[in-house]
């Protein structure tokens, strides 16, 4: 039985309907609140107007009782012009004077009538069903004198005008809502399309990466999360691309290393095998046996150096090397290096010169410092013929500076940074050096300098020699 695939609901429609639904709900709520507020406002204004007229009538009659008829007639004309009317009632609730019509005051609920007799103003909206008339608003104001109830005034106003005004306002409000809804519809559609297109660009770019294309980039920004996601995507692609290039470079160097190692190991193994077979079968004259044994010994040591360099590099790279630091007189170390390598330098007609003050001390591991300097110096000897190699030591502010400079063939500017890579050799045809011949020496030097919290730089130009500059911290390690 085949499983049905879930129905897709595109992100565009999710965005669009979410925007529209929010706008519709917001408009409905605002419309209902506004209509309710407007209706209450109209009734409150009408009620305040009736109360103000009622108080004015009672006040004028109280101040000029002899002119009450004239006052009542004046107010009757004014209120009639505003489509309002009023009637007076006595303490028993009987209507008299002017219009002499309206709801019977006696029909008020007892609680309302008690409030009127106590001097409270009563406001009754048109929807109150206990009265005989509909479609009007009633305001009842009591006439009190020294706390005694003498009756009051009843004012009425039709609500038809107010209702028609409310209907007109609601109609225009509806038009405004429809217009705003139409504009918001277009805006929601447009904004949803923009967001979906940005996500589609990311999706297409991700598809390209999944196919192995690591050179794709998408437009990024910092003003929203999608823009930041695009920026993170670009950073990811850049790192993947750099990693792939590094992997490719490592693979190329690995293949080159294996070819070099195979070539280097084949020669000594062939020599060792040939000498042993000759000794075994008595094919080597007696006077040449000692020479053959020495040759086997030299070739075996050569193979051991290859293994040791690889093991040494892996230990340093995995932080398995423990340093035993101490104060070391730099001039003494440089002179030892000069003495140890003097024979190799003389073979190529080179001269090693030491320039260091006896009062310069470096805080380092003695064995590893010697290893660093031997690697660099042998490298200089290898690529220098009939030249000079300087070993310098000096103090500058908070650092001890060690320089190894030669007048050799130099390194091409494009290859300077590559010399620190494992298995890298600036000139693969030069593999005759006795130390670092497999491209591991300078990689080990770099790691050892870093373990000392120092830094090493190389300055070189093709045909103009090379200078290695090592900087160690001058202060003693707190450990």
Protein backbone atom coordinates (compact mmCIF):
# COMPACT_ATOMS: atom_id res chain seq x y z
CA UNK A 1 0.00 0.00 0.00
CA UNK A 2 1.52 3.28 -1.08
CA UNK A 3 1.77 6.02 1.49
CA UNK A 4 0.11 9.27 0.54
CA UNK A 5 2.38 12.26 0.49
CA UNK A 6 1.31 15.11 2.78
CA UNK A 7 -0.23 18.01 0.92
CA UNK A 8 2.17 20.93 0.60
CA UNK A 9 1.24 24.39 1.73
CA UNK A 10 3.69 26.76 0.08
CA UNK A 11 5.53 29.25 2.22
CA UNK A 12 4.24 32.08 0.02
CA UNK A 13 0.65 31.27 0.93
CA UNK A 14 1.58 30.81 4.58
CA UNK A 15 3.08 34.31 4.63
CA UNK A 16 0.26 35.83 2.60
CA UNK A 17 -2.62 34.35 4.60
CA UNK A 18 -0.93 35.08 7.92
CA UNK A 19 -0.53 38.75 6.94
CA UNK A 20 -4.12 39.03 5.65
CA UNK A 21 -5.63 37.24 8.65
CA UNK A 22 -3.81 39.51 11.07
CA UNK A 23 -4.94 42.58 9.16
CA UNK A 24 -8.57 41.40 8.98
CA UNK A 25 -8.72 40.61 12.70
CA UNK A 26 -7.08 43.93 13.54
CA UNK A 27 -9.50 45.87 11.29
CA UNK A 28 -12.55 44.07 12.69
CA UNK A 29 -11.54 44.70 16.28
CA UNK A 30 -10.71 48.35 15.60
CA UNK A 31 -13.98 48.82 13.69
CA UNK A 32 -16.10 47.31 16.46
CA UNK A 33 -14.29 49.31 19.13
CA UNK A 34 -14.56 52.51 17.10
CA UNK A 35 -18.26 52.00 16.34
CA UNK A 36 -19.00 51.28 20.00
CA UNK A 37 -16.97 54.28 21.11
CA UNK A 38 -18.66 56.52 18.52
CA UNK A 39 -22.14 55.43 19.55
CA UNK A 40 -21.38 56.04 23.23
CA UNK A 41 -19.79 59.37 22.38
CA UNK A 42 -22.90 60.52 20.46
CA UNK A 43 -25.24 59.51 23.28
CA UNK A 44 -22.99 61.05 25.92
CA UNK A 45 -22.85 64.33 24.02
CA UNK A 46 -26.64 64.32 23.60
CA UNK A 47 -27.11 63.51 27.27
CA UNK A 48 -24.68 66.22 28.39
CA UNK A 49 -26.54 68.71 26.17
CA UNK A 50 -29.93 67.79 27.68
CA UNK A 51 -28.57 67.96 31.23
CA UNK A 52 -27.02 71.37 30.54
CA UNK A 53 -30.38 72.74 29.24
CA UNK A 54 -32.28 71.22 32.14
CA UNK A 55 -29.97 72.77 34.72
CA UNK A 56 -30.16 76.11 32.94
CA UNK A 57 -34.01 76.00 32.98
CA UNK A 58 -34.19 75.13 36.68
CA UNK A 59 -31.59 77.75 37.55
CA UNK A 60 -33.29 80.55 35.62
CA UNK A 61 -36.74 79.69 37.07
CA UNK A 62 -35.28 79.61 40.57
CA UNK A 63 -33.60 82.99 40.15
CA UNK A 64 -36.62 84.68 38.48
CA UNK A 65 -39.78 82.87 39.61
CA UNK A 66 -42.00 85.79 38.53
CA UNK A 67 -40.75 85.49 34.95
CA UNK A 68 -40.99 81.70 34.80
CA UNK A 69 -43.57 81.69 32.00
CA UNK A 70 -41.39 83.91 29.81
CA UNK A 71 -38.32 81.81 30.59
CA UNK A 72 -40.12 78.57 29.79
CA UNK A 73 -41.39 79.96 26.48
CA UNK A 74 -37.88 81.09 25.50
CA UNK A 75 -36.37 77.70 26.26
CA UNK A 76 -39.26 75.98 24.51
CA UNK A 77 -38.48 77.86 21.30
CA UNK A 78 -34.74 77.21 21.58
CA UNK A 79 -35.17 73.47 22.23
CA UNK A 80 -37.82 73.12 19.54
CA UNK A 81 -35.31 74.47 17.02
CA UNK A 82 -32.95 71.65 18.08
CA UNK A 83 -35.78 69.08 17.93
CA UNK A 84 -35.82 68.76 21.70
CA UNK A 85 -38.70 69.20 24.14
CA UNK A 86 -39.20 69.46 27.87
CA UNK A 87 -41.99 69.26 30.39
CA UNK A 88 -42.23 70.16 34.05
CA UNK A 89 -43.47 67.71 36.66
CA UNK A 90 -44.58 68.17 40.26
CA UNK A 91 -43.58 66.29 43.37
CA UNK A 92 -46.14 63.61 42.60
CA UNK A 93 -44.75 62.97 39.11
CA UNK A 94 -47.54 64.70 37.17
CA UNK A 95 -46.51 66.50 33.97
CA UNK A 96 -47.52 70.14 33.40
CA UNK A 97 -46.49 73.16 31.32
CA UNK A 98 -45.05 73.35 27.81
CA UNK A 99 -45.24 70.05 25.93
CA UNK A 100 -46.99 68.21 28.71
CA UNK A 101 -46.14 64.89 27.09
CA UNK A 102 -43.63 62.15 27.52
CA UNK A 103 -43.40 59.05 29.66
CA UNK A 104 -45.34 59.06 32.86
CA UNK A 105 -42.92 59.81 35.63
CA UNK A 106 -44.91 57.59 37.92
CA UNK A 107 -44.04 54.62 35.68
CA UNK A 108 -40.38 54.90 36.59
CA UNK A 109 -39.05 51.98 38.54
CA UNK A 110 -39.22 52.63 42.25
CA UNK A 111 -35.45 52.71 42.58
CA UNK A 112 -35.23 55.44 39.90
CA UNK A 113 -38.03 57.50 41.46
CA UNK A 114 -36.35 57.31 44.85
CA UNK A 115 -33.12 58.62 43.30
CA UNK A 116 -35.01 61.52 41.68
CA UNK A 117 -36.68 62.48 44.95
CA UNK A 118 -33.25 62.45 46.59
CA UNK A 119 -31.91 64.93 44.05
CA UNK A 120 -30.12 62.61 41.62
CA UNK A 121 -30.25 63.11 37.84
CA UNK A 122 -31.62 60.18 35.83
CA UNK A 123 -30.56 59.40 32.26
CA UNK A 124 -32.56 56.81 30.31
CA UNK A 125 -31.42 55.66 26.87
CA UNK A 126 -33.90 55.00 24.09
CA UNK A 127 -33.67 51.23 24.44
CA UNK A 128 -35.29 51.32 27.87
CA UNK A 129 -38.57 49.39 27.34
CA UNK A 130 -40.48 50.54 30.43
CA UNK A 131 -41.52 53.81 28.76
CA UNK A 132 -44.33 54.33 26.29
CA UNK A 133 -42.15 56.10 23.73
CA UNK A 134 -39.31 54.68 21.69
CA UNK A 135 -36.58 56.39 19.73
CA UNK A 136 -35.86 59.16 22.25
CA UNK A 137 -33.40 59.83 25.07
CA UNK A 138 -34.82 60.99 28.44
CA UNK A 139 -33.11 63.11 31.05
CA UNK A 140 -34.89 63.76 34.39
CA UNK A 141 -33.52 66.51 36.62
CA UNK A 142 -35.07 67.08 40.07
CA UNK A 143 -35.91 70.52 41.45
CA UNK A 144 -34.58 70.69 45.01
CA UNK A 145 -34.73 73.61 47.43
CA UNK A 146 -33.04 73.35 50.79
CA UNK A 147 -33.14 69.57 50.51
CA UNK A 148 -36.87 69.45 49.72
CA UNK A 149 -38.14 67.88 46.49
CA UNK A 150 -40.58 70.07 44.49
CA UNK A 151 -40.64 68.20 41.19
CA UNK A 152 -38.39 68.70 38.22
CA UNK A 153 -37.96 68.88 34.47
CA UNK A 154 -38.15 66.09 31.88
CA UNK A 155 -36.19 66.60 28.66
CA UNK A 156 -36.50 64.43 25.60
CA UNK A 157 -34.53 64.25 22.36
CA UNK A 158 -35.12 61.97 19.37
CA UNK A 159 -32.21 59.74 18.48
CA UNK A 160 -33.02 59.46 14.80
CA UNK A 161 -30.50 62.18 13.92
CA UNK A 162 -27.82 60.59 16.05
CA UNK A 163 -28.52 57.17 14.60
CA UNK A 164 -28.37 58.45 11.06
CA UNK A 165 -25.08 60.18 11.81
CA UNK A 166 -23.68 56.98 13.30
CA UNK A 167 -24.82 55.03 10.24
CA UNK A 168 -23.17 57.54 7.94
CA UNK A 169 -19.91 57.39 9.89
CA UNK A 170 -20.02 53.57 9.92
CA UNK A 171 -20.59 53.59 6.17
CA UNK A 172 -17.49 55.71 5.56
CA UNK A 173 -15.62 53.57 8.06
CA UNK A 174 -16.58 50.50 6.04
CA UNK A 175 -15.32 52.16 2.85
CA UNK A 176 -12.05 53.01 4.59
CA UNK A 177 -11.71 49.43 5.83
CA UNK A 178 -12.30 48.02 2.35
CA UNK A 179 -9.78 50.43 0.82
CA UNK A 180 -7.21 49.65 3.50
CA UNK A 181 -7.88 45.95 3.05
CA UNK A 182 -7.26 46.24 -0.69
CA UNK A 183 -3.97 48.10 -0.13
CA UNK A 184 -2.87 45.66 2.57
CA UNK A 185 -3.78 42.76 0.26
CA UNK A 186 -1.38 44.06 -2.39
CA UNK A 187 1.32 44.86 0.18
CA UNK A 188 1.03 41.40 1.75
CA UNK A 189 1.28 39.77 -1.65
CA UNK A 190 4.32 41.89 -2.57
CA UNK A 191 6.15 41.37 0.76
CA UNK A 192 5.40 37.65 0.73
CA UNK A 193 6.84 37.38 -2.78
CA UNK A 194 10.00 39.19 -1.67
CA UNK A 195 10.57 36.86 1.30
CA UNK A 196 9.83 33.76 -0.76
CA UNK A 197 12.23 34.85 -3.52
CA UNK A 198 15.02 35.38 -0.96
CA UNK A 199 14.42 31.92 0.48
CA UNK A 200 14.29 30.42 -3.02
CA UNK A 201 17.69 31.96 -3.78
CA UNK A 202 19.07 30.30 -0.65
CA UNK A 203 17.43 27.00 -1.63
CA UNK A 204 18.90 27.10 -5.15
CA UNK A 205 22.34 27.96 -3.74
CA UNK A 206 22.09 25.08 -1.25
CA UNK A 207 21.17 22.77 -4.13
CA UNK A 208 24.30 23.91 -5.99
CA UNK A 209 26.44 23.18 -2.93
CA UNK A 210 24.88 19.72 -2.62
CA UNK A 211 25.96 19.10 -6.24
CA UNK A 212 29.55 20.01 -5.39
CA UNK A 213 29.64 23.64 -6.55
CA UNK A 214 31.28 25.56 -3.69
CA UNK A 215 31.69 28.87 -5.53
CA UNK A 216 28.07 30.04 -5.16
CA UNK A 217 27.16 33.17 -3.19
CA UNK A 218 23.85 34.81 -2.35
CA UNK A 219 23.08 38.42 -1.58
CA UNK A 220 23.33 39.03 2.17
CA UNK A 221 22.39 41.85 4.51
CA UNK A 222 22.26 42.70 8.21
CA UNK A 223 18.78 44.15 8.54
CA UNK A 224 16.86 40.88 9.11
CA UNK A 225 17.33 37.21 9.93
CA UNK A 226 17.09 36.02 6.32
CA UNK A 227 19.92 38.39 5.38
CA UNK A 228 22.00 37.10 8.30
CA UNK A 229 21.19 33.53 7.25
CA UNK A 230 22.44 34.36 3.76
CA UNK A 231 25.62 35.79 5.26
CA UNK A 232 26.12 32.63 7.35
CA UNK A 233 25.50 30.56 4.21
CA UNK A 234 28.20 32.50 2.34
CA UNK A 235 30.61 32.04 5.24
CA UNK A 236 29.84 28.32 5.29
CA UNK A 237 30.43 28.02 1.54
CA UNK A 238 33.70 29.95 1.83
CA UNK A 239 34.89 27.64 4.61
CA UNK A 240 33.83 24.55 2.68
CA UNK A 241 35.58 25.88 -0.42
CA UNK A 242 38.73 26.63 1.59
CA UNK A 243 38.53 23.17 3.19
CA UNK A 244 38.13 21.50 -0.18
CA UNK A 245 41.11 23.41 -1.55
CA UNK A 246 43.10 22.47 1.54
CA UNK A 247 42.03 18.83 1.19
CA UNK A 248 43.02 18.87 -2.47
CA UNK A 249 46.33 20.50 -1.58
CA UNK A 250 46.93 17.96 1.19
CA UNK A 251 46.06 15.12 -1.16
CA UNK A 252 48.47 16.45 -3.77
CA UNK A 253 51.18 16.84 -1.16
CA UNK A 254 50.41 13.38 0.20
CA UNK A 255 50.80 11.86 -3.26
CA UNK A 256 54.00 13.83 -3.78
CA UNK A 257 55.22 12.79 -0.34
CA UNK A 258 54.48 9.14 -1.03
CA UNK A 259 56.30 9.42 -4.34
CA UNK A 260 59.26 11.13 -2.64
CA UNK A 261 59.32 8.65 0.24
CA UNK A 262 59.07 5.72 -2.16
CA UNK A 263 61.91 7.15 -4.18
CA UNK A 264 63.99 7.93 -1.11
CA UNK A 265 63.36 4.56 0.51
CA UNK A 266 63.90 2.57 -2.69
CA UNK A 267 67.50 3.75 -3.06
CA UNK A 268 68.73 2.89 0.47
CA UNK A 269 66.73 -0.34 0.58
CA UNK A 270 68.15 -1.37 -2.78
CA UNK A 271 71.64 -0.51 -1.56
CA UNK A 272 71.14 -2.38 1.74
CA UNK A 273 69.66 -5.40 -0.04
CA UNK A 274 72.50 -5.47 -2.58
CA UNK A 275 75.23 -5.21 0.03
CA UNK A 276 73.64 -7.91 2.20
CA UNK A 277 73.26 -10.24 -0.78
CA UNK A 278 76.88 -9.57 -1.71
CA UNK A 279 78.06 -10.32 1.83
CA UNK A 280 75.85 -13.39 2.03
CA UNK A 281 77.15 -14.86 -1.22
CA UNK A 282 80.76 -13.73 -0.67
CA UNK A 283 80.55 -11.57 -3.80
CA UNK A 284 82.24 -8.60 -2.12
CA UNK A 285 86.03 -8.66 -1.77
CA UNK A 286 87.34 -8.78 1.77
CA UNK A 287 88.90 -5.36 1.51
CA UNK A 288 85.52 -3.83 0.48
CA UNK A 289 83.37 -5.49 3.15
CA UNK A 290 83.95 -2.79 5.73
CA UNK A 291 83.03 -0.14 3.16
CA UNK A 292 79.84 -2.05 2.33
CA UNK A 293 78.90 -2.35 6.01
CA UNK A 294 79.41 1.40 6.49
CA UNK A 295 77.21 2.04 3.46
CA UNK A 296 74.46 -0.15 4.96
CA UNK A 297 74.77 1.73 8.24
CA UNK A 298 74.47 5.12 6.53
CA UNK A 299 71.44 4.07 4.49
CA UNK A 300 69.76 2.56 7.59
CA UNK A 301 70.28 5.82 9.48
CA UNK A 302 68.76 7.66 6.56
CA UNK A 303 65.63 5.53 6.81
CA UNK A 304 65.50 6.07 10.58
CA UNK A 305 65.60 9.84 10.08
CA UNK A 306 62.55 9.61 7.83
CA UNK A 307 60.61 7.69 10.47
CA UNK A 308 61.80 9.93 13.30
CA UNK A 309 60.83 13.12 11.51
CA UNK A 310 57.30 11.83 10.95
CA UNK A 311 56.97 10.67 14.56
CA UNK A 312 58.41 13.93 15.85
CA UNK A 313 56.01 16.01 13.81
CA UNK A 314 52.96 14.02 14.96
CA UNK A 315 53.97 14.34 18.63
CA UNK A 316 54.41 18.09 18.30
CA UNK A 317 51.17 18.52 16.33
CA UNK A 318 49.16 16.58 18.94
CA UNK A 319 50.73 18.54 21.86
CA UNK A 320 52.43 15.46 23.27
CA UNK A 321 55.75 17.25 23.65
CA UNK A 322 56.55 18.59 27.12
CA UNK A 323 58.91 21.53 27.34
CA UNK A 324 61.47 21.98 30.11
CA UNK A 325 62.30 25.67 29.95
CA UNK A 326 65.33 27.32 31.47
CA UNK A 327 67.47 30.42 31.07
CA UNK A 328 69.92 29.71 28.22
CA UNK A 329 72.85 31.86 27.13
CA UNK A 330 72.06 32.47 23.46
CA UNK A 331 75.62 33.06 22.27
CA UNK A 332 76.68 29.68 23.69
CA UNK A 333 73.92 27.84 21.85
CA UNK A 334 74.69 29.61 18.57
CA UNK A 335 78.38 28.71 18.89
CA UNK A 336 77.43 25.06 19.46
CA UNK A 337 75.34 25.11 16.30
CA UNK A 338 78.27 26.71 14.48
CA UNK A 339 80.62 23.99 15.66
CA UNK A 340 78.25 21.07 14.89
CA UNK A 341 77.51 22.21 11.37
CA UNK A 342 80.91 23.62 10.43
CA UNK A 343 81.92 20.51 8.46
CA UNK A 344 78.71 20.51 6.42
CA UNK A 345 79.19 24.23 5.74
CA UNK A 346 82.79 23.70 4.62
CA UNK A 347 81.68 21.02 2.16
CA UNK A 348 79.82 23.76 0.25
CA UNK A 349 82.47 26.42 0.94
CA UNK A 350 80.15 28.27 3.31
CA UNK A 351 81.08 30.26 6.39
CA UNK A 352 78.96 30.36 9.57
CA UNK A 353 79.25 33.61 11.54
CA UNK A 354 77.87 34.07 15.08
CA UNK A 355 76.82 37.55 16.22
CA UNK A 356 75.41 37.54 19.77
CA UNK A 357 76.18 39.32 23.02
CA UNK A 358 77.05 37.08 26.00
CA UNK A 359 74.47 38.87 28.18
CA UNK A 360 71.49 37.83 26.02
CA UNK A 361 69.54 34.93 27.55
CA UNK A 362 66.50 33.15 26.19
CA UNK A 363 63.92 31.26 28.26
CA UNK A 364 63.35 28.02 26.33
CA UNK A 365 63.70 24.23 26.22
CA UNK A 366 67.35 23.61 25.42
CA UNK A 367 66.93 20.45 23.30
CA UNK A 368 64.04 21.90 21.29
CA UNK A 369 65.85 25.21 20.78
CA UNK A 370 68.84 23.34 19.39
CA UNK A 371 66.49 21.33 17.15
CA UNK A 372 64.94 24.56 15.82
CA UNK A 373 68.27 26.17 15.05
CA UNK A 374 69.78 23.05 13.47
CA UNK A 375 66.79 22.66 11.16
CA UNK A 376 66.94 26.26 9.97
CA UNK A 377 70.73 26.38 9.70
CA UNK A 378 70.90 23.12 7.74
CA UNK A 379 68.23 24.49 5.44
CA UNK A 380 70.42 27.57 4.85
CA UNK A 381 73.49 25.39 4.24
CA UNK A 382 71.57 23.29 1.73
CA UNK A 383 70.59 26.25 -0.45
CA UNK A 384 73.79 28.28 -0.10
CA UNK A 385 77.05 27.72 -1.97
CA UNK A 386 80.28 29.69 -1.33
CA UNK A 387 78.35 32.10 0.84
CA UNK A 388 77.85 33.23 4.42
CA UNK A 389 75.35 32.18 7.05
CA UNK A 390 74.81 34.51 10.02
CA UNK A 391 73.52 33.33 13.40
CA UNK A 392 72.44 36.43 15.37
CA UNK A 393 70.98 36.91 18.83
CA UNK A 394 69.79 40.15 20.44
CA UNK A 395 67.21 41.61 22.82
CA UNK A 396 64.56 44.11 21.74
CA UNK A 397 62.18 45.45 24.40
CA UNK A 398 60.20 42.41 25.64
CA UNK A 399 61.47 39.90 23.09
CA UNK A 400 64.60 37.89 22.32
CA UNK A 401 65.32 37.96 18.60
CA UNK A 402 67.15 35.10 16.84
CA UNK A 403 68.05 35.53 13.17
CA UNK A 404 69.42 32.99 10.70
CA UNK A 405 70.37 34.72 7.46
CA UNK A 406 72.13 33.34 4.39
CA UNK A 407 73.29 34.51 0.98
CA UNK A 408 71.81 31.53 -0.83
CA UNK A 409 69.48 31.17 -3.78
CA UNK A 410 66.46 32.48 -1.85
CA UNK A 411 62.80 31.54 -2.15
CA UNK A 412 60.28 32.85 -4.63
CA UNK A 413 57.87 35.30 -3.02
CA UNK A 414 54.85 33.16 -3.99
CA UNK A 415 56.33 30.17 -2.14
CA UNK A 416 57.41 31.85 1.11
CA UNK A 417 54.24 31.03 3.09
CA UNK A 418 54.14 27.47 1.74
CA UNK A 419 57.44 26.41 3.31
CA UNK A 420 55.73 25.81 6.66
CA UNK A 421 53.41 23.20 5.21
CA UNK A 422 54.02 19.56 5.90
CA UNK A 423 55.67 17.65 3.02
CA UNK A 424 56.25 20.91 1.13
CA UNK A 425 59.60 21.52 -0.55
CA UNK A 426 60.34 24.70 -2.42
CA UNK A 427 62.43 22.79 -4.93
CA UNK A 428 61.55 19.11 -5.07
CA UNK A 429 64.70 18.36 -7.02
CA UNK A 430 66.78 19.25 -3.96
CA UNK A 431 66.52 16.24 -1.67
CA UNK A 432 70.15 15.71 -0.78
CA UNK A 433 70.12 17.46 2.59
CA UNK A 434 70.75 15.25 5.59
CA UNK A 435 68.00 16.70 7.78
CA UNK A 436 64.55 17.87 6.71
CA UNK A 437 64.96 16.23 3.32
CA UNK A 438 61.36 15.00 3.32
CA UNK A 439 59.80 18.44 3.75
CA UNK A 440 59.09 18.04 7.48
CA UNK A 441 61.89 20.11 9.05
CA UNK A 442 60.36 23.58 8.81
CA UNK A 443 56.91 22.26 9.78
CA UNK A 444 58.49 20.96 13.00
CA UNK A 445 60.26 24.30 13.52
CA UNK A 446 56.97 26.21 13.21
CA UNK A 447 55.24 23.96 15.76
CA UNK A 448 58.11 24.14 18.25
CA UNK A 449 58.27 27.94 18.07
CA UNK A 450 54.52 28.10 18.70
CA UNK A 451 54.91 25.82 21.72
CA UNK A 452 57.34 28.42 23.14
CA UNK A 453 54.67 31.15 22.65
CA UNK A 454 56.96 32.68 20.05
CA UNK A 455 56.63 33.51 16.40
CA UNK A 456 58.77 32.92 13.34
CA UNK A 457 58.84 34.80 10.06
CA UNK A 458 60.82 34.36 6.88
CA UNK A 459 61.98 37.09 4.50
CA UNK A 460 63.36 36.04 1.16
CA UNK A 461 63.76 37.03 -2.44
CA UNK A 462 64.78 34.86 -5.32
CA UNK A 463 68.55 35.01 -5.80
CA UNK A 464 69.12 37.32 -2.80
CA UNK A 465 69.20 34.98 0.17
CA UNK A 466 66.82 34.18 3.01
CA UNK A 467 66.40 35.43 6.57
CA UNK A 468 64.53 33.56 9.33
CA UNK A 469 63.51 35.73 12.31
CA UNK A 470 62.39 34.07 15.56
CA UNK A 471 60.87 36.07 18.43
CA UNK A 472 60.67 34.58 21.92
CA UNK A 473 59.11 36.35 24.94
CA UNK A 474 61.85 37.82 27.13
CA UNK A 475 60.05 37.44 30.47
CA UNK A 476 60.20 34.16 32.26
CA UNK A 477 57.28 31.77 32.04
CA UNK A 478 55.35 31.84 35.37
CA UNK A 479 55.31 28.07 35.37
